[in-house]
Amino acid sequence: MISVQVTCYSGRTYPERPQSFTWEGQTQRVEKVEKEWREPGRKHFMVCTEKDRRFELCYYEEAGRWSAVELV
């Protein structure tokens, strides 16, 4: 799990849909949100990037921070 910066669309609530994030110094643009779910204090997104890579992004609500894990 690596701490990352995420840009997301936020309408009525934050975060509604991740749009891009920084991974290993490069911007990864989110092409598709495949799945999203909640756990107490966390919001998870399984995303596919424009380079056909898959990641799980997690937003920790209390800390206001994001983490990412690349899925193989």
PDB file of N, CA and C in Angstrom:
ATOM      1  N   MET A   1       0.853  -1.172   0.000  1.00  0.00           N
ATOM      2  CA  MET A   1       0.000   0.000   0.000  1.00  0.00           C
ATOM      3  C   MET A   1       0.900   1.238   0.000  1.00  0.00           C
ATOM      4  N   ILE A   2       0.682   2.114  -0.967  1.00  0.00           N
ATOM      5  CA  ILE A   2       1.497   3.315  -1.122  1.00  0.00           C
ATOM      6  C   ILE A   2       0.587   4.543  -1.039  1.00  0.00           C
ATOM      7  N   SER A   3       1.036   5.543  -0.317  1.00  0.00           N
ATOM      8  CA  SER A   3       0.281   6.791  -0.219  1.00  0.00           C
ATOM      9  C   SER A   3       0.376   7.536  -1.552  1.00  0.00           C
ATOM     10  N   VAL A   4      -0.768   8.030  -2.058  1.00  0.00           N
ATOM     11  CA  VAL A   4      -0.805   8.702  -3.359  1.00  0.00           C
ATOM     12  C   VAL A   4      -1.659   9.957  -3.290  1.00  0.00           C
ATOM     13  N   GLN A   5      -1.471  10.819  -4.287  1.00  0.00           N
ATOM     14  CA  GLN A   5      -2.324  11.993  -4.459  1.00  0.00           C
ATOM     15  C   GLN A   5      -3.345  11.660  -5.535  1.00  0.00           C
ATOM     16  N   VAL A   6      -4.612  11.964  -5.264  1.00  0.00           N
ATOM     17  CA  VAL A   6      -5.693  11.628  -6.181  1.00  0.00           C
ATOM     18  C   VAL A   6      -6.484  12.887  -6.520  1.00  0.00           C
ATOM     19  N   THR A   7      -6.813  13.037  -7.793  1.00  0.00           N
ATOM     20  CA  THR A   7      -7.725  14.090  -8.243  1.00  0.00           C
ATOM     21  C   THR A   7      -9.052  13.396  -8.520  1.00  0.00           C
ATOM     22  N   CYS A   8     -10.129  13.938  -7.965  1.00  0.00           N
ATOM     23  CA  CYS A   8     -11.411  13.284  -8.189  1.00  0.00           C
ATOM     24  C   CYS A   8     -12.529  14.281  -8.405  1.00  0.00           C
ATOM     25  N   TYR A   9     -13.567  13.753  -9.029  1.00  0.00           N
ATOM     26  CA  TYR A   9     -14.800  14.516  -9.196  1.00  0.00           C
ATOM     27  C   TYR A   9     -15.544  14.461  -7.868  1.00  0.00           C
ATOM     28  N   SER A  10     -16.014  15.608  -7.434  1.00  0.00           N
ATOM     29  CA  SER A  10     -16.806  15.674  -6.213  1.00  0.00           C
ATOM     30  C   SER A  10     -18.018  16.545  -6.483  1.00  0.00           C
ATOM     31  N   GLY A  11     -19.163  15.933  -6.484  1.00  0.00           N
ATOM     32  CA  GLY A  11     -20.417  16.663  -6.664  1.00  0.00           C
ATOM     33  C   GLY A  11     -20.954  17.030  -5.304  1.00  0.00           C
ATOM     34  N   ARG A  12     -21.832  16.190  -4.786  1.00  0.00           N
ATOM     35  CA  ARG A  12     -22.425  16.442  -3.469  1.00  0.00           C
ATOM     36  C   ARG A  12     -21.516  15.996  -2.335  1.00  0.00           C
ATOM     37  N   THR A  13     -20.685  15.002  -2.585  1.00  0.00           N
ATOM     38  CA  THR A  13     -19.807  14.493  -1.525  1.00  0.00           C
ATOM     39  C   THR A  13     -18.390  14.301  -2.068  1.00  0.00           C
ATOM     40  N   TYR A  14     -17.434  14.195  -1.159  1.00  0.00           N
ATOM     41  CA  TYR A  14     -16.047  13.890  -1.548  1.00  0.00           C
ATOM     42  C   TYR A  14     -15.725  12.507  -1.041  1.00  0.00           C
ATOM     43  N   PRO A  15     -15.113  11.695  -1.769  1.00  0.00           N
ATOM     44  CA  PRO A  15     -14.866  11.689  -3.202  1.00  0.00           C
ATOM     45  C   PRO A  15     -15.965  10.893  -3.912  1.00  0.00           C
ATOM     46  N   GLU A  16     -16.410  11.371  -5.044  1.00  0.00           N
ATOM     47  CA  GLU A  16     -17.422  10.621  -5.789  1.00  0.00           C
ATOM     48  C   GLU A  16     -16.805   9.707  -6.829  1.00  0.00           C
ATOM     49  N   ARG A  17     -15.783  10.210  -7.558  1.00  0.00           N
ATOM     50  CA  ARG A  17     -15.192   9.391  -8.615  1.00  0.00           C
ATOM     51  C   ARG A  17     -13.758   9.856  -8.869  1.00  0.00           C
ATOM     52  N   PRO A  18     -12.766   8.972  -8.667  1.00  0.00           N
ATOM     53  CA  PRO A  18     -11.382   9.358  -8.958  1.00  0.00           C
ATOM     54  C   PRO A  18     -11.182   9.561 -10.459  1.00  0.00           C
ATOM     55  N   GLN A  19     -10.404  10.590 -10.817  1.00  0.00           N
ATOM     56  CA  GLN A  19     -10.138  10.890 -12.228  1.00  0.00           C
ATOM     57  C   GLN A  19      -8.687  10.598 -12.605  1.00  0.00           C
ATOM     58  N   SER A  20      -7.764  10.832 -11.670  1.00  0.00           N
ATOM     59  CA  SER A  20      -6.354  10.541 -11.911  1.00  0.00           C
ATOM     60  C   SER A  20      -5.640  10.466 -10.563  1.00  0.00           C
ATOM     61  N   PHE A  21      -4.432   9.882 -10.597  1.00  0.00           N
ATOM     62  CA  PHE A  21      -3.625   9.804  -9.384  1.00  0.00           C
ATOM     63  C   PHE A  21      -2.159   9.682  -9.790  1.00  0.00           C
ATOM     64  N   THR A  22      -1.285   9.975  -8.851  1.00  0.00           N
ATOM     65  CA  THR A  22       0.150   9.902  -9.101  1.00  0.00           C
ATOM     66  C   THR A  22       0.666   8.560  -8.596  1.00  0.00           C
ATOM     67  N   TRP A  23       1.332   7.819  -9.468  1.00  0.00           N
ATOM     68  CA  TRP A  23       1.902   6.514  -9.118  1.00  0.00           C
ATOM     69  C   TRP A  23       3.337   6.478  -9.626  1.00  0.00           C
ATOM     70  N   GLU A  24       4.275   6.290  -8.730  1.00  0.00           N
ATOM     71  CA  GLU A  24       5.700   6.248  -9.068  1.00  0.00           C
ATOM     72  C   GLU A  24       6.114   7.466  -9.897  1.00  0.00           C
ATOM     73  N   GLY A  25       5.624   8.639  -9.508  1.00  0.00           N
ATOM     74  CA  GLY A  25       6.002   9.888 -10.143  1.00  0.00           C
ATOM     75  C   GLY A  25       5.291  10.204 -11.446  1.00  0.00           C
ATOM     76  N   GLN A  26       4.382   9.335 -11.883  1.00  0.00           N
ATOM     77  CA  GLN A  26       3.665   9.574 -13.135  1.00  0.00           C
ATOM     78  C   GLN A  26       2.165   9.645 -12.893  1.00  0.00           C
ATOM     79  N   THR A  27       1.513  10.500 -13.662  1.00  0.00           N
ATOM     80  CA  THR A  27       0.061  10.622 -13.562  1.00  0.00           C
ATOM     81  C   THR A  27      -0.605   9.468 -14.283  1.00  0.00           C
ATOM     82  N   GLN A  28      -1.491   8.805 -13.578  1.00  0.00           N
ATOM     83  CA  GLN A  28      -2.291   7.719 -14.142  1.00  0.00           C
ATOM     84  C   GLN A  28      -3.724   8.230 -14.284  1.00  0.00           C
ATOM     85  N   ARG A  29      -4.228   8.273 -15.495  1.00  0.00           N
ATOM     86  CA  ARG A  29      -5.597   8.717 -15.724  1.00  0.00           C
ATOM     87  C   ARG A  29      -6.546   7.529 -15.606  1.00  0.00           C
ATOM     88  N   VAL A  30      -7.613   7.718 -14.845  1.00  0.00           N
ATOM     89  CA  VAL A  30      -8.593   6.656 -14.643  1.00  0.00           C
ATOM     90  C   VAL A  30      -9.535   6.624 -15.843  1.00  0.00           C
ATOM     91  N   GLU A  31      -9.564   5.487 -16.524  1.00  0.00           N
ATOM     92  CA  GLU A  31     -10.466   5.288 -17.662  1.00  0.00           C
ATOM     93  C   GLU A  31     -11.817   4.776 -17.199  1.00  0.00           C
ATOM     94  N   LYS A  32     -11.797   3.917 -16.162  1.00  0.00           N
ATOM     95  CA  LYS A  32     -13.034   3.273 -15.747  1.00  0.00           C
ATOM     96  C   LYS A  32     -12.961   2.921 -14.267  1.00  0.00           C
ATOM     97  N   VAL A  33     -14.057   3.174 -13.554  1.00  0.00           N
ATOM     98  CA  VAL A  33     -14.201   2.683 -12.187  1.00  0.00           C
ATOM     99  C   VAL A  33     -14.960   1.368 -12.301  1.00  0.00           C
ATOM    100  N   GLU A  34     -14.273   0.268 -12.027  1.00  0.00           N
ATOM    101  CA  GLU A  34     -14.880  -1.050 -12.182  1.00  0.00           C
ATOM    102  C   GLU A  34     -15.778  -1.420 -11.009  1.00  0.00           C
ATOM    103  N   LYS A  35     -15.411  -0.926  -9.829  1.00  0.00           N
ATOM    104  CA  LYS A  35     -16.156  -1.285  -8.628  1.00  0.00           C
ATOM    105  C   LYS A  35     -15.875  -0.250  -7.557  1.00  0.00           C
ATOM    106  N   GLU A  36     -16.855   0.000  -6.710  1.00  0.00           N
ATOM    107  CA  GLU A  36     -16.621   0.850  -5.540  1.00  0.00           C
ATOM    108  C   GLU A  36     -17.400   0.291  -4.364  1.00  0.00           C
ATOM    109  N   TRP A  37     -16.837   0.460  -3.172  1.00  0.00           N
ATOM    110  CA  TRP A  37     -17.491  -0.039  -1.971  1.00  0.00           C
ATOM    111  C   TRP A  37     -17.007   0.735  -0.761  1.00  0.00           C
ATOM    112  N   ARG A  38     -17.761   0.604   0.312  1.00  0.00           N
ATOM    113  CA  ARG A  38     -17.455   1.282   1.570  1.00  0.00           C
ATOM    114  C   ARG A  38     -17.154   0.278   2.661  1.00  0.00           C
ATOM    115  N   GLU A  39     -16.269   0.690   3.544  1.00  0.00           N
ATOM    116  CA  GLU A  39     -16.009   0.019   4.808  1.00  0.00           C
ATOM    117  C   GLU A  39     -16.043   1.129   5.845  1.00  0.00           C
ATOM    118  N   PRO A  40     -16.196   0.804   7.106  1.00  0.00           N
ATOM    119  CA  PRO A  40     -16.221   1.873   8.104  1.00  0.00           C
ATOM    120  C   PRO A  40     -14.998   2.795   7.996  1.00  0.00           C
ATOM    121  N   GLY A  41     -15.247   4.065   7.735  1.00  0.00           N
ATOM    122  CA  GLY A  41     -14.185   5.064   7.653  1.00  0.00           C
ATOM    123  C   GLY A  41     -13.378   5.063   6.374  1.00  0.00           C
ATOM    124  N   ARG A  42     -13.757   4.232   5.394  1.00  0.00           N
ATOM    125  CA  ARG A  42     -12.992   4.126   4.143  1.00  0.00           C
ATOM    126  C   ARG A  42     -13.917   4.006   2.943  1.00  0.00           C
ATOM    127  N   LYS A  43     -13.420   4.501   1.808  1.00  0.00           N
ATOM    128  CA  LYS A  43     -14.122   4.315   0.547  1.00  0.00           C
ATOM    129  C   LYS A  43     -13.115   3.758  -0.452  1.00  0.00           C
ATOM    130  N   HIS A  44     -13.474   2.653  -1.099  1.00  0.00           N
ATOM    131  CA  HIS A  44     -12.587   1.952  -2.017  1.00  0.00           C
ATOM    132  C   HIS A  44     -13.084   2.065  -3.456  1.00  0.00           C
ATOM    133  N   PHE A  45     -12.115   2.117  -4.384  1.00  0.00           N
ATOM    134  CA  PHE A  45     -12.412   2.136  -5.808  1.00  0.00           C
ATOM    135  C   PHE A  45     -11.460   1.176  -6.507  1.00  0.00           C
ATOM    136  N   MET A  46     -11.994   0.274  -7.316  1.00  0.00           N
ATOM    137  CA  MET A  46     -11.165  -0.544  -8.183  1.00  0.00           C
ATOM    138  C   MET A  46     -11.227   0.130  -9.541  1.00  0.00           C
ATOM    139  N   VAL A  47     -10.056   0.561 -10.052  1.00  0.00           N
ATOM    140  CA  VAL A  47     -10.028   1.355 -11.279  1.00  0.00           C
ATOM    141  C   VAL A  47      -9.112   0.742 -12.324  1.00  0.00           C
ATOM    142  N   CYS A  48      -9.382   1.085 -13.570  1.00  0.00           N
ATOM    143  CA  CYS A  48      -8.548   0.697 -14.703  1.00  0.00           C
ATOM    144  C   CYS A  48      -8.015   1.999 -15.306  1.00  0.00           C
ATOM    145  N   THR A  49      -6.712   2.047 -15.570  1.00  0.00           N
ATOM    146  CA  THR A  49      -6.115   3.262 -16.116  1.00  0.00           C
ATOM    147  C   THR A  49      -6.066   3.212 -17.639  1.00  0.00           C
ATOM    148  N   GLU A  50      -5.693   4.335 -18.234  1.00  0.00           N
ATOM    149  CA  GLU A  50      -5.602   4.420 -19.690  1.00  0.00           C
ATOM    150  C   GLU A  50      -4.519   3.491 -20.254  1.00  0.00           C
ATOM    151  N   LYS A  51      -3.625   3.027 -19.416  1.00  0.00           N
ATOM    152  CA  LYS A  51      -2.556   2.127 -19.860  1.00  0.00           C
ATOM    153  C   LYS A  51      -2.876   0.675 -19.497  1.00  0.00           C
ATOM    154  N   ASP A  52      -4.148   0.381 -19.313  1.00  0.00           N
ATOM    155  CA  ASP A  52      -4.634  -0.967 -18.992  1.00  0.00           C
ATOM    156  C   ASP A  52      -4.013  -1.558 -17.728  1.00  0.00           C
ATOM    157  N   ARG A  53      -3.784  -0.712 -16.749  1.00  0.00           N
ATOM    158  CA  ARG A  53      -3.318  -1.183 -15.448  1.00  0.00           C
ATOM    159  C   ARG A  53      -4.487  -1.071 -14.482  1.00  0.00           C
ATOM    160  N   ARG A  54      -4.544  -1.973 -13.505  1.00  0.00           N
ATOM    161  CA  ARG A  54      -5.628  -1.961 -12.532  1.00  0.00           C
ATOM    162  C   ARG A  54      -5.083  -1.655 -11.145  1.00  0.00           C
ATOM    163  N   PHE A  55      -5.826  -0.818 -10.413  1.00  0.00           N
ATOM    164  CA  PHE A  55      -5.431  -0.406  -9.066  1.00  0.00           C
ATOM    165  C   PHE A  55      -6.639  -0.417  -8.145  1.00  0.00           C
ATOM    166  N   GLU A  56      -6.352  -0.593  -6.867  1.00  0.00           N
ATOM    167  CA  GLU A  56      -7.359  -0.340  -5.846  1.00  0.00           C
ATOM    168  C   GLU A  56      -6.940   0.938  -5.134  1.00  0.00           C
ATOM    169  N   LEU A  57      -7.809   1.934  -5.183  1.00  0.00           N
ATOM    170  CA  LEU A  57      -7.589   3.189  -4.472  1.00  0.00           C
ATOM    171  C   LEU A  57      -8.456   3.177  -3.228  1.00  0.00           C
ATOM    172  N   CYS A  58      -7.914   3.648  -2.130  1.00  0.00           N
ATOM    173  CA  CYS A  58      -8.667   3.695  -0.876  1.00  0.00           C
ATOM    174  C   CYS A  58      -8.530   5.081  -0.255  1.00  0.00           C
ATOM    175  N   TYR A  59      -9.676   5.666   0.091  1.00  0.00           N
ATOM    176  CA  TYR A  59      -9.687   6.973   0.757  1.00  0.00           C
ATOM    177  C   TYR A  59     -10.015   6.761   2.229  1.00  0.00           C
ATOM    178  N   TYR A  60      -9.111   7.200   3.107  1.00  0.00           N
ATOM    179  CA  TYR A  60      -9.295   7.108   4.551  1.00  0.00           C
ATOM    180  C   TYR A  60      -9.918   8.416   5.024  1.00  0.00           C
ATOM    181  N   GLU A  61     -11.196   8.356   5.342  1.00  0.00           N
ATOM    182  CA  GLU A  61     -11.970   9.566   5.616  1.00  0.00           C
ATOM    183  C   GLU A  61     -11.444  10.372   6.797  1.00  0.00           C
ATOM    184  N   GLU A  62     -11.134   9.739   7.895  1.00  0.00           N
ATOM    185  CA  GLU A  62     -10.694  10.475   9.079  1.00  0.00           C
ATOM    186  C   GLU A  62      -9.352  11.169   8.865  1.00  0.00           C
ATOM    187  N   ALA A  63      -8.437  10.497   8.207  1.00  0.00           N
ATOM    188  CA  ALA A  63      -7.099  11.053   7.965  1.00  0.00           C
ATOM    189  C   ALA A  63      -7.063  11.955   6.736  1.00  0.00           C
ATOM    190  N   GLY A  64      -8.072  11.807   5.838  1.00  0.00           N
ATOM    191  CA  GLY A  64      -8.097  12.610   4.615  1.00  0.00           C
ATOM    192  C   GLY A  64      -6.967  12.255   3.662  1.00  0.00           C
ATOM    193  N   ARG A  65      -6.591  10.974   3.627  1.00  0.00           N
ATOM    194  CA  ARG A  65      -5.496  10.570   2.743  1.00  0.00           C
ATOM    195  C   ARG A  65      -5.908   9.374   1.889  1.00  0.00           C
ATOM    196  N   TRP A  66      -5.147   9.160   0.823  1.00  0.00           N
ATOM    197  CA  TRP A  66      -5.383   8.084  -0.130  1.00  0.00           C
ATOM    198  C   TRP A  66      -4.234   7.090  -0.128  1.00  0.00           C
ATOM    199  N   SER A  67      -4.558   5.839  -0.483  1.00  0.00           N
ATOM    200  CA  SER A  67      -3.519   4.836  -0.724  1.00  0.00           C
ATOM    201  C   SER A  67      -3.875   4.095  -2.013  1.00  0.00           C
ATOM    202  N   ALA A  68      -2.875   3.437  -2.593  1.00  0.00           N
ATOM    203  CA  ALA A  68      -3.089   2.674  -3.814  1.00  0.00           C
ATOM    204  C   ALA A  68      -2.313   1.372  -3.764  1.00  0.00           C
ATOM    205  N   VAL A  69      -2.897   0.352  -4.401  1.00  0.00           N
ATOM    206  CA  VAL A  69      -2.256  -0.932  -4.567  1.00  0.00           C
ATOM    207  C   VAL A  69      -2.474  -1.330  -6.019  1.00  0.00           C
ATOM    208  N   GLU A  70      -1.396  -1.710  -6.701  1.00  0.00           N
ATOM    209  CA  GLU A  70      -1.556  -2.173  -8.076  1.00  0.00           C
ATOM    210  C   GLU A  70      -1.996  -3.637  -8.047  1.00  0.00           C
ATOM    211  N   LEU A  71      -2.999  -3.960  -8.844  1.00  0.00           N
ATOM    212  CA  LEU A  71      -3.526  -5.319  -8.932  1.00  0.00           C
ATOM    213  C   LEU A  71      -2.919  -5.995 -10.146  1.00  0.00           C
ATOM    214  N   VAL A  72      -2.464  -7.203  -9.977  1.00  0.00           N
ATOM    215  CA  VAL A  72      -1.823  -7.908 -11.088  1.00  0.00           C
ATOM    216  C   VAL A  72      -2.720  -8.969 -11.660  1.00  0.00           C
TER     217      VAL A  72
END
